[in-house]
Amino acid sequence: MHILQISPQLPYPPDSGGRVAIYNILKHLSRHHEITLATFVTEETEQYIPNLEPYCRKIIAVKHNNTTTKFGMLVNMFSSQPYTMTKFYSLEMAQQIADAAQRDGVDFVHIDHLHMAQYVGALPQAMPAILREHNVESTIMRRFAEQSVHPLIKLYARIQSQRLYQYEGEIGAQFDRCI
């Protein structure tokens, strides 16, 4: 089976919880399946791509900056999407995923993290896809809002928590399975 694995970050070096989990899934699945990895990279992480080549048939590495900015947060107030999701959107990534899914003989898609779930829209409709979520992002944001002291931060976090809650339900319904 040819699996397209979509990750918000290059899972190497495996030195944090998210990277360790994604790396080990990739490594394990590659024992019996062909893997195409679609992932974001930075100037710092790009150098580690060769470390994943033994496990992948193909690596799609898109340079993308998902840094939180005050300007980005302000602009997001006029959007219905959660800010943390908009930071991870890249037209180049969507096009690369669509091309890989249509042209590379992909049988199945595994998307890691809620931040990348939006790319389910780039897949052909009948293609099976699962979403593996590491956290319930709306709960994390709700707790942050509850603990925040500054009124503007509290308000912003509460709005984001509500958007995340709605988004999690809507996007989850587009997958065959959510883990």
N, C-alpha and C. Protein backbone atom coordinates (compact mmCIF):
# COMPACT_ATOMS: atom_id res chain seq x y z
N MET A 1 0.84 -1.17 0.00
CA MET A 1 0.00 0.00 0.00
C MET A 1 0.90 1.24 0.00
N HIS A 2 0.46 2.26 -0.72
CA HIS A 2 1.20 3.52 -0.76
C HIS A 2 0.45 4.54 0.10
N ILE A 3 1.11 4.99 1.16
CA ILE A 3 0.51 5.90 2.13
C ILE A 3 1.11 7.29 1.97
N LEU A 4 0.24 8.28 1.91
CA LEU A 4 0.66 9.68 1.94
C LEU A 4 0.53 10.15 3.38
N GLN A 5 1.66 10.43 4.02
CA GLN A 5 1.65 10.92 5.39
C GLN A 5 1.90 12.41 5.37
N ILE A 6 1.00 13.17 6.00
CA ILE A 6 1.08 14.63 6.00
C ILE A 6 1.37 15.09 7.42
N SER A 7 2.43 15.87 7.57
CA SER A 7 2.92 16.27 8.89
C SER A 7 3.19 17.77 8.93
N PRO A 8 2.90 18.43 10.06
CA PRO A 8 3.15 19.87 10.16
C PRO A 8 4.62 20.24 10.31
N GLN A 9 5.44 19.24 10.61
CA GLN A 9 6.86 19.51 10.81
C GLN A 9 7.67 18.29 10.41
N LEU A 10 8.89 18.51 9.98
CA LEU A 10 9.76 17.40 9.65
C LEU A 10 9.98 16.59 10.93
N PRO A 11 9.67 15.30 10.90
CA PRO A 11 9.78 14.51 12.13
C PRO A 11 11.20 14.03 12.44
N TYR A 12 12.15 14.90 12.19
CA TYR A 12 13.55 14.59 12.49
C TYR A 12 14.28 15.89 12.80
N PRO A 13 15.10 15.93 13.82
CA PRO A 13 15.40 14.83 14.74
C PRO A 13 14.20 14.55 15.66
N PRO A 14 14.04 13.31 16.07
CA PRO A 14 12.93 12.97 16.97
C PRO A 14 13.24 13.40 18.41
N ASP A 15 13.11 14.71 18.65
CA ASP A 15 13.52 15.27 19.94
C ASP A 15 12.40 15.99 20.69
N SER A 16 11.16 15.84 20.21
CA SER A 16 10.01 16.40 20.92
C SER A 16 8.85 15.43 20.74
N GLY A 17 7.82 15.58 21.55
CA GLY A 17 6.72 14.63 21.53
C GLY A 17 6.10 14.41 20.17
N GLY A 18 5.76 15.50 19.48
CA GLY A 18 5.15 15.38 18.16
C GLY A 18 6.07 14.73 17.16
N ARG A 19 7.34 15.15 17.12
CA ARG A 19 8.30 14.58 16.18
C ARG A 19 8.56 13.10 16.47
N VAL A 20 8.67 12.76 17.74
CA VAL A 20 8.92 11.36 18.10
C VAL A 20 7.77 10.48 17.61
N ALA A 21 6.55 10.91 17.85
CA ALA A 21 5.37 10.13 17.44
C ALA A 21 5.32 9.98 15.92
N ILE A 22 5.48 11.07 15.20
CA ILE A 22 5.39 11.02 13.74
C ILE A 22 6.54 10.19 13.17
N TYR A 23 7.73 10.37 13.69
CA TYR A 23 8.89 9.62 13.22
C TYR A 23 8.68 8.11 13.41
N ASN A 24 8.22 7.71 14.57
CA ASN A 24 8.04 6.28 14.83
C ASN A 24 6.92 5.68 13.99
N ILE A 25 5.86 6.43 13.76
CA ILE A 25 4.80 5.94 12.86
C ILE A 25 5.36 5.76 11.45
N LEU A 26 6.08 6.76 10.99
CA LEU A 26 6.69 6.71 9.66
C LEU A 26 7.62 5.50 9.53
N LYS A 27 8.47 5.34 10.51
CA LYS A 27 9.44 4.25 10.51
C LYS A 27 8.73 2.89 10.51
N HIS A 28 7.71 2.76 11.35
CA HIS A 28 6.98 1.49 11.45
C HIS A 28 6.20 1.19 10.16
N LEU A 29 5.47 2.16 9.64
CA LEU A 29 4.68 1.94 8.44
C LEU A 29 5.55 1.62 7.24
N SER A 30 6.75 2.19 7.19
CA SER A 30 7.63 1.98 6.04
C SER A 30 8.14 0.55 5.95
N ARG A 31 8.00 -0.22 7.00
CA ARG A 31 8.43 -1.63 6.96
C ARG A 31 7.60 -2.45 5.97
N HIS A 32 6.32 -2.08 5.82
CA HIS A 32 5.43 -2.88 4.98
C HIS A 32 4.72 -2.07 3.90
N HIS A 33 4.95 -0.75 3.86
CA HIS A 33 4.26 0.11 2.92
C HIS A 33 5.21 1.14 2.33
N GLU A 34 4.84 1.65 1.17
CA GLU A 34 5.58 2.77 0.59
C GLU A 34 5.00 4.05 1.19
N ILE A 35 5.87 5.00 1.51
CA ILE A 35 5.44 6.23 2.16
C ILE A 35 5.88 7.44 1.33
N THR A 36 4.94 8.35 1.12
CA THR A 36 5.27 9.69 0.65
C THR A 36 5.00 10.59 1.84
N LEU A 37 5.99 11.35 2.24
CA LEU A 37 5.85 12.27 3.37
C LEU A 37 5.72 13.69 2.83
N ALA A 38 4.64 14.37 3.20
CA ALA A 38 4.46 15.79 2.88
C ALA A 38 4.57 16.55 4.19
N THR A 39 5.52 17.48 4.26
CA THR A 39 5.81 18.14 5.53
C THR A 39 6.33 19.55 5.31
N PHE A 40 6.15 20.37 6.31
CA PHE A 40 6.74 21.70 6.29
C PHE A 40 8.16 21.61 6.83
N VAL A 41 9.04 22.42 6.27
CA VAL A 41 10.41 22.52 6.76
C VAL A 41 10.76 23.98 6.95
N THR A 42 11.80 24.21 7.70
CA THR A 42 12.36 25.54 7.91
C THR A 42 13.82 25.49 7.46
N GLU A 43 14.47 26.64 7.48
CA GLU A 43 15.91 26.68 7.16
C GLU A 43 16.68 25.73 8.07
N GLU A 44 16.27 25.66 9.34
CA GLU A 44 16.98 24.83 10.32
C GLU A 44 16.71 23.34 10.13
N THR A 45 15.49 22.96 9.75
CA THR A 45 15.16 21.53 9.68
C THR A 45 15.42 20.90 8.32
N GLU A 46 15.54 21.71 7.30
CA GLU A 46 15.73 21.20 5.94
C GLU A 46 16.92 20.25 5.83
N GLN A 47 17.96 20.51 6.61
CA GLN A 47 19.18 19.69 6.56
C GLN A 47 18.95 18.24 6.98
N TYR A 48 17.83 17.97 7.68
CA TYR A 48 17.57 16.62 8.19
C TYR A 48 16.76 15.75 7.23
N ILE A 49 16.35 16.28 6.11
CA ILE A 49 15.56 15.50 5.15
C ILE A 49 16.24 14.17 4.80
N PRO A 50 17.56 14.15 4.52
CA PRO A 50 18.20 12.87 4.17
C PRO A 50 18.04 11.77 5.23
N ASN A 51 17.85 12.15 6.50
CA ASN A 51 17.68 11.16 7.55
C ASN A 51 16.38 10.37 7.40
N LEU A 52 15.43 10.91 6.67
CA LEU A 52 14.13 10.25 6.49
C LEU A 52 14.02 9.51 5.16
N GLU A 53 14.96 9.73 4.27
CA GLU A 53 14.91 9.10 2.95
C GLU A 53 14.86 7.57 2.99
N PRO A 54 15.53 6.91 3.96
CA PRO A 54 15.43 5.44 3.99
C PRO A 54 14.00 4.92 4.22
N TYR A 55 13.14 5.77 4.74
CA TYR A 55 11.77 5.35 5.07
C TYR A 55 10.75 5.81 4.04
N CYS A 56 11.15 6.65 3.12
CA CYS A 56 10.19 7.29 2.22
C CYS A 56 10.49 7.03 0.75
N ARG A 57 9.45 6.78 0.02
CA ARG A 57 9.56 6.70 -1.44
C ARG A 57 9.79 8.10 -1.99
N LYS A 58 9.12 9.09 -1.36
CA LYS A 58 9.22 10.47 -1.79
C LYS A 58 9.01 11.38 -0.59
N ILE A 59 9.71 12.51 -0.55
CA ILE A 59 9.51 13.51 0.49
C ILE A 59 9.16 14.83 -0.17
N ILE A 60 8.00 15.34 0.20
CA ILE A 60 7.56 16.66 -0.26
C ILE A 60 7.83 17.61 0.90
N ALA A 61 8.82 18.47 0.73
CA ALA A 61 9.22 19.40 1.80
C ALA A 61 8.94 20.82 1.34
N VAL A 62 8.00 21.46 2.01
CA VAL A 62 7.59 22.82 1.65
C VAL A 62 8.08 23.77 2.73
N LYS A 63 8.84 24.77 2.32
CA LYS A 63 9.28 25.80 3.28
C LYS A 63 8.09 26.68 3.61
N HIS A 64 7.88 26.85 4.91
CA HIS A 64 6.72 27.62 5.35
C HIS A 64 6.98 28.17 6.75
N ASN A 65 6.61 29.40 6.96
CA ASN A 65 6.78 30.03 8.27
C ASN A 65 5.41 30.10 8.95
N ASN A 66 5.26 29.40 10.05
CA ASN A 66 3.97 29.42 10.77
C ASN A 66 4.11 30.12 12.13
N THR A 67 4.98 31.10 12.18
CA THR A 67 5.20 31.86 13.40
C THR A 67 3.96 32.68 13.76
N THR A 68 3.65 32.75 15.04
CA THR A 68 2.55 33.58 15.52
C THR A 68 3.00 35.04 15.50
N THR A 69 2.16 35.89 14.91
CA THR A 69 2.45 37.32 14.88
C THR A 69 1.23 38.10 15.35
N LYS A 70 1.47 39.24 15.92
CA LYS A 70 0.36 40.09 16.36
C LYS A 70 -0.48 40.53 15.16
N PHE A 71 0.17 40.83 14.05
CA PHE A 71 -0.55 41.22 12.85
C PHE A 71 -1.44 40.07 12.36
N GLY A 72 -0.90 38.87 12.34
CA GLY A 72 -1.67 37.69 11.93
C GLY A 72 -2.86 37.45 12.84
N MET A 73 -2.66 37.65 14.13
CA MET A 73 -3.76 37.49 15.09
C MET A 73 -4.84 38.53 14.85
N LEU A 74 -4.43 39.76 14.57
CA LEU A 74 -5.39 40.84 14.33
C LEU A 74 -6.20 40.58 13.06
N VAL A 75 -5.52 40.24 11.98
CA VAL A 75 -6.19 39.96 10.72
C VAL A 75 -7.16 38.79 10.89
N ASN A 76 -6.78 37.81 11.68
CA ASN A 76 -7.63 36.64 11.91
C ASN A 76 -8.94 36.97 12.60
N MET A 77 -9.03 38.09 13.27
CA MET A 77 -10.28 38.47 13.94
C MET A 77 -11.40 38.65 12.92
N PHE A 78 -11.06 38.85 11.65
CA PHE A 78 -12.06 39.03 10.60
C PHE A 78 -12.30 37.74 9.81
N SER A 79 -11.85 36.63 10.37
CA SER A 79 -12.01 35.32 9.74
C SER A 79 -12.83 34.42 10.66
N SER A 80 -13.44 33.40 10.10
CA SER A 80 -14.15 32.43 10.93
C SER A 80 -13.25 31.25 11.29
N GLN A 81 -12.07 31.18 10.68
CA GLN A 81 -11.14 30.08 10.93
C GLN A 81 -10.30 30.35 12.18
N PRO A 82 -9.96 29.29 12.90
CA PRO A 82 -9.04 29.47 14.04
C PRO A 82 -7.66 29.93 13.54
N TYR A 83 -7.06 30.82 14.28
CA TYR A 83 -5.76 31.36 13.88
C TYR A 83 -4.71 30.27 13.73
N THR A 84 -4.71 29.31 14.63
CA THR A 84 -3.70 28.26 14.57
C THR A 84 -3.82 27.43 13.29
N MET A 85 -5.00 27.38 12.68
CA MET A 85 -5.16 26.65 11.43
C MET A 85 -4.69 27.50 10.24
N THR A 86 -5.01 28.79 10.26
CA THR A 86 -4.62 29.64 9.14
C THR A 86 -3.10 29.77 9.04
N LYS A 87 -2.42 29.68 10.17
CA LYS A 87 -0.95 29.76 10.15
C LYS A 87 -0.33 28.59 9.38
N PHE A 88 -1.04 27.48 9.31
CA PHE A 88 -0.51 26.28 8.67
C PHE A 88 -1.02 26.09 7.24
N TYR A 89 -1.70 27.10 6.70
CA TYR A 89 -2.17 26.95 5.33
C TYR A 89 -1.10 27.43 4.36
N SER A 90 -0.89 26.63 3.32
CA SER A 90 0.05 26.96 2.25
C SER A 90 -0.55 26.46 0.94
N LEU A 91 -0.72 27.35 0.00
CA LEU A 91 -1.23 26.96 -1.32
C LEU A 91 -0.28 25.96 -1.97
N GLU A 92 1.02 26.18 -1.81
CA GLU A 92 2.00 25.25 -2.37
C GLU A 92 1.82 23.85 -1.78
N MET A 93 1.61 23.78 -0.46
CA MET A 93 1.41 22.47 0.17
C MET A 93 0.14 21.81 -0.37
N ALA A 94 -0.93 22.57 -0.48
CA ALA A 94 -2.19 22.02 -0.99
C ALA A 94 -2.00 21.47 -2.41
N GLN A 95 -1.29 22.19 -3.25
CA GLN A 95 -1.05 21.74 -4.62
C GLN A 95 -0.17 20.50 -4.66
N GLN A 96 0.86 20.48 -3.83
CA GLN A 96 1.76 19.32 -3.78
C GLN A 96 1.01 18.07 -3.32
N ILE A 97 0.15 18.24 -2.31
CA ILE A 97 -0.63 17.11 -1.80
C ILE A 97 -1.60 16.61 -2.87
N ALA A 98 -2.29 17.54 -3.53
CA ALA A 98 -3.23 17.16 -4.59
C ALA A 98 -2.51 16.40 -5.71
N ASP A 99 -1.35 16.90 -6.11
CA ASP A 99 -0.58 16.23 -7.16
C ASP A 99 -0.15 14.84 -6.74
N ALA A 100 0.38 14.72 -5.54
CA ALA A 100 0.83 13.41 -5.05
C ALA A 100 -0.34 12.42 -4.95
N ALA A 101 -1.47 12.88 -4.45
CA ALA A 101 -2.63 12.00 -4.29
C ALA A 101 -3.16 11.53 -5.63
N GLN A 102 -3.09 12.37 -6.64
CA GLN A 102 -3.65 12.02 -7.95
C GLN A 102 -2.67 11.29 -8.85
N ARG A 103 -1.39 11.60 -8.74
CA ARG A 103 -0.42 11.08 -9.72
C ARG A 103 0.51 9.99 -9.21
N ASP A 104 0.64 9.86 -7.91
CA ASP A 104 1.65 8.94 -7.38
C ASP A 104 1.11 7.60 -6.93
N GLY A 105 -0.12 7.29 -7.24
CA GLY A 105 -0.68 6.00 -6.86
C GLY A 105 -0.90 5.84 -5.37
N VAL A 106 -1.27 6.91 -4.70
CA VAL A 106 -1.52 6.86 -3.25
C VAL A 106 -2.81 6.10 -2.99
N ASP A 107 -2.77 5.19 -2.01
CA ASP A 107 -3.94 4.39 -1.65
C ASP A 107 -4.66 4.92 -0.42
N PHE A 108 -3.91 5.62 0.43
CA PHE A 108 -4.43 5.96 1.76
C PHE A 108 -3.69 7.20 2.26
N VAL A 109 -4.37 8.04 3.02
CA VAL A 109 -3.74 9.27 3.54
C VAL A 109 -3.83 9.28 5.06
N HIS A 110 -2.71 9.58 5.68
CA HIS A 110 -2.62 9.71 7.14
C HIS A 110 -2.18 11.13 7.44
N ILE A 111 -3.07 11.91 8.04
CA ILE A 111 -2.75 13.30 8.38
C ILE A 111 -2.51 13.40 9.87
N ASP A 112 -1.37 13.96 10.22
CA ASP A 112 -0.98 14.11 11.61
C ASP A 112 -1.22 15.53 12.06
N HIS A 113 -1.92 15.71 13.15
CA HIS A 113 -2.21 17.00 13.79
C HIS A 113 -3.39 17.72 13.13
N LEU A 114 -4.18 18.32 13.97
CA LEU A 114 -5.33 19.10 13.52
C LEU A 114 -4.92 20.22 12.58
N HIS A 115 -3.73 20.77 12.78
CA HIS A 115 -3.25 21.89 11.97
C HIS A 115 -3.18 21.55 10.49
N MET A 116 -3.00 20.27 10.18
CA MET A 116 -2.87 19.84 8.79
C MET A 116 -4.16 19.25 8.23
N ALA A 117 -5.18 19.14 9.06
CA ALA A 117 -6.44 18.51 8.64
C ALA A 117 -7.08 19.24 7.46
N GLN A 118 -6.83 20.52 7.33
CA GLN A 118 -7.42 21.30 6.24
C GLN A 118 -7.03 20.78 4.87
N TYR A 119 -5.94 20.03 4.78
CA TYR A 119 -5.48 19.52 3.49
C TYR A 119 -6.30 18.32 3.02
N VAL A 120 -7.24 17.86 3.82
CA VAL A 120 -8.16 16.81 3.37
C VAL A 120 -8.91 17.32 2.14
N GLY A 121 -9.12 18.61 2.05
CA GLY A 121 -9.80 19.21 0.90
C GLY A 121 -9.01 19.12 -0.40
N ALA A 122 -7.72 18.85 -0.33
CA ALA A 122 -6.89 18.73 -1.52
C ALA A 122 -6.90 17.31 -2.08
N LEU A 123 -7.54 16.40 -1.36
CA LEU A 123 -7.54 14.98 -1.76
C LEU A 123 -8.72 14.66 -2.67
N PRO A 124 -8.55 13.66 -3.54
CA PRO A 124 -9.72 13.19 -4.29
C PRO A 124 -10.78 12.68 -3.31
N GLN A 125 -12.05 12.88 -3.65
CA GLN A 125 -13.14 12.59 -2.71
C GLN A 125 -13.15 11.16 -2.20
N ALA A 126 -12.89 10.20 -3.02
CA ALA A 126 -13.01 8.79 -2.62
C ALA A 126 -11.77 8.26 -1.90
N MET A 127 -10.74 9.09 -1.74
CA MET A 127 -9.50 8.60 -1.14
C MET A 127 -9.66 8.47 0.38
N PRO A 128 -9.41 7.28 0.92
CA PRO A 128 -9.53 7.09 2.37
C PRO A 128 -8.49 7.92 3.13
N ALA A 129 -8.93 8.53 4.21
CA ALA A 129 -8.03 9.39 5.00
C ALA A 129 -8.36 9.28 6.47
N ILE A 130 -7.31 9.25 7.29
CA ILE A 130 -7.49 9.32 8.74
C ILE A 130 -6.76 10.54 9.28
N LEU A 131 -7.28 11.04 10.38
CA LEU A 131 -6.66 12.17 11.07
C LEU A 131 -6.22 11.68 12.44
N ARG A 132 -4.95 11.86 12.74
CA ARG A 132 -4.43 11.53 14.06
C ARG A 132 -4.18 12.83 14.79
N GLU A 133 -4.98 13.06 15.82
CA GLU A 133 -4.84 14.28 16.60
C GLU A 133 -4.05 13.97 17.87
N HIS A 134 -3.14 14.83 18.19
CA HIS A 134 -2.32 14.65 19.38
C HIS A 134 -2.98 15.27 20.60
N ASN A 135 -3.82 16.26 20.37
CA ASN A 135 -4.46 17.00 21.45
C ASN A 135 -5.88 17.38 21.05
N VAL A 136 -6.66 17.77 22.03
CA VAL A 136 -7.94 18.42 21.76
C VAL A 136 -7.64 19.91 21.88
N GLU A 137 -7.38 20.52 20.73
CA GLU A 137 -6.89 21.90 20.69
C GLU A 137 -7.86 22.89 21.33
N SER A 138 -9.15 22.67 21.16
CA SER A 138 -10.13 23.61 21.74
C SER A 138 -10.07 23.59 23.26
N THR A 139 -9.82 22.43 23.85
CA THR A 139 -9.70 22.33 25.31
C THR A 139 -8.46 23.06 25.80
N ILE A 140 -7.37 22.89 25.09
CA ILE A 140 -6.13 23.59 25.47
C ILE A 140 -6.35 25.10 25.43
N MET A 141 -6.99 25.58 24.36
CA MET A 141 -7.22 27.01 24.23
C MET A 141 -8.23 27.51 25.27
N ARG A 142 -9.25 26.70 25.56
CA ARG A 142 -10.23 27.09 26.58
C ARG A 142 -9.56 27.23 27.94
N ARG A 143 -8.70 26.29 28.27
CA ARG A 143 -7.98 26.35 29.55
C ARG A 143 -7.06 27.57 29.61
N PHE A 144 -6.41 27.87 28.47
CA PHE A 144 -5.56 29.06 28.41
C PHE A 144 -6.40 30.31 28.66
N ALA A 145 -7.58 30.37 28.04
CA ALA A 145 -8.47 31.53 28.22
C ALA A 145 -8.89 31.66 29.68
N GLU A 146 -9.23 30.54 30.31
CA GLU A 146 -9.66 30.56 31.71
C GLU A 146 -8.55 31.04 32.64
N GLN A 147 -7.32 30.75 32.31
CA GLN A 147 -6.20 31.10 33.18
C GLN A 147 -5.59 32.46 32.86
N SER A 148 -5.96 33.03 31.73
CA SER A 148 -5.39 34.32 31.34
C SER A 148 -5.93 35.43 32.23
N VAL A 149 -5.07 36.38 32.55
CA VAL A 149 -5.43 37.50 33.41
C VAL A 149 -5.77 38.73 32.58
N HIS A 150 -5.00 38.97 31.53
CA HIS A 150 -5.21 40.15 30.70
C HIS A 150 -6.53 40.02 29.95
N PRO A 151 -7.42 41.02 30.06
CA PRO A 151 -8.76 40.90 29.46
C PRO A 151 -8.77 40.70 27.94
N LEU A 152 -7.87 41.36 27.22
CA LEU A 152 -7.84 41.19 25.76
C LEU A 152 -7.36 39.80 25.37
N ILE A 153 -6.35 39.31 26.07
CA ILE A 153 -5.84 37.96 25.80
C ILE A 153 -6.92 36.93 26.14
N LYS A 154 -7.59 37.14 27.26
CA LYS A 154 -8.67 36.24 27.68
C LYS A 154 -9.77 36.19 26.62
N LEU A 155 -10.19 37.36 26.12
CA LEU A 155 -11.24 37.44 25.11
C LEU A 155 -10.80 36.76 23.82
N TYR A 156 -9.59 37.07 23.36
CA TYR A 156 -9.08 36.49 22.12
C TYR A 156 -9.01 34.97 22.24
N ALA A 157 -8.48 34.48 23.35
CA ALA A 157 -8.36 33.03 23.55
C ALA A 157 -9.73 32.37 23.61
N ARG A 158 -10.70 33.03 24.22
CA ARG A 158 -12.05 32.46 24.29
C ARG A 158 -12.66 32.36 22.88
N ILE A 159 -12.48 33.39 22.08
CA ILE A 159 -12.97 33.36 20.69
C ILE A 159 -12.29 32.23 19.92
N GLN A 160 -10.98 32.12 20.09
CA GLN A 160 -10.24 31.07 19.39
C GLN A 160 -10.68 29.68 19.86
N SER A 161 -10.94 29.54 21.14
CA SER A 161 -11.40 28.26 21.68
C SER A 161 -12.73 27.85 21.04
N GLN A 162 -13.64 28.80 20.90
CA GLN A 162 -14.94 28.50 20.28
C GLN A 162 -14.77 28.14 18.80
N ARG A 163 -13.90 28.86 18.12
CA ARG A 163 -13.65 28.55 16.71
C ARG A 163 -13.03 27.17 16.56
N LEU A 164 -12.10 26.85 17.44
CA LEU A 164 -11.45 25.54 17.40
C LEU A 164 -12.45 24.42 17.66
N TYR A 165 -13.31 24.62 18.63
CA TYR A 165 -14.32 23.61 18.97
C TYR A 165 -15.19 23.31 17.75
N GLN A 166 -15.65 24.35 17.09
CA GLN A 166 -16.49 24.16 15.90
C GLN A 166 -15.69 23.52 14.78
N TYR A 167 -14.46 23.98 14.59
CA TYR A 167 -13.60 23.46 13.53
C TYR A 167 -13.30 21.97 13.72
N GLU A 168 -13.00 21.58 14.96
CA GLU A 168 -12.69 20.17 15.23
C GLU A 168 -13.84 19.26 14.80
N GLY A 169 -15.06 19.65 15.10
CA GLY A 169 -16.20 18.84 14.70
C GLY A 169 -16.41 18.81 13.20
N GLU A 170 -16.30 19.97 12.58
CA GLU A 170 -16.53 20.05 11.13
C GLU A 170 -15.46 19.32 10.33
N ILE A 171 -14.21 19.52 10.68
CA ILE A 171 -13.13 18.90 9.92
C ILE A 171 -13.06 17.40 10.20
N GLY A 172 -13.32 17.01 11.43
CA GLY A 172 -13.30 15.59 11.79
C GLY A 172 -14.30 14.78 10.98
N ALA A 173 -15.43 15.37 10.66
CA ALA A 173 -16.48 14.69 9.91
C ALA A 173 -16.05 14.39 8.47
N GLN A 174 -14.98 15.02 8.00
CA GLN A 174 -14.51 14.82 6.64
C GLN A 174 -13.56 13.63 6.50
N PHE A 175 -13.24 12.99 7.62
CA PHE A 175 -12.30 11.88 7.61
C PHE A 175 -13.03 10.55 7.81
N ASP A 176 -12.41 9.49 7.32
CA ASP A 176 -12.95 8.16 7.54
C ASP A 176 -12.81 7.75 9.00
N ARG A 177 -11.72 8.19 9.62
CA ARG A 177 -11.48 7.91 11.03
C ARG A 177 -10.65 9.04 11.62
N CYS A 178 -10.89 9.29 12.91
CA CYS A 178 -10.08 10.23 13.69
C CYS A 178 -9.52 9.47 14.88
N ILE A 179 -8.25 9.63 15.08
CA ILE A 179 -7.58 8.93 16.19
C ILE A 179 -6.99 9.95 17.12
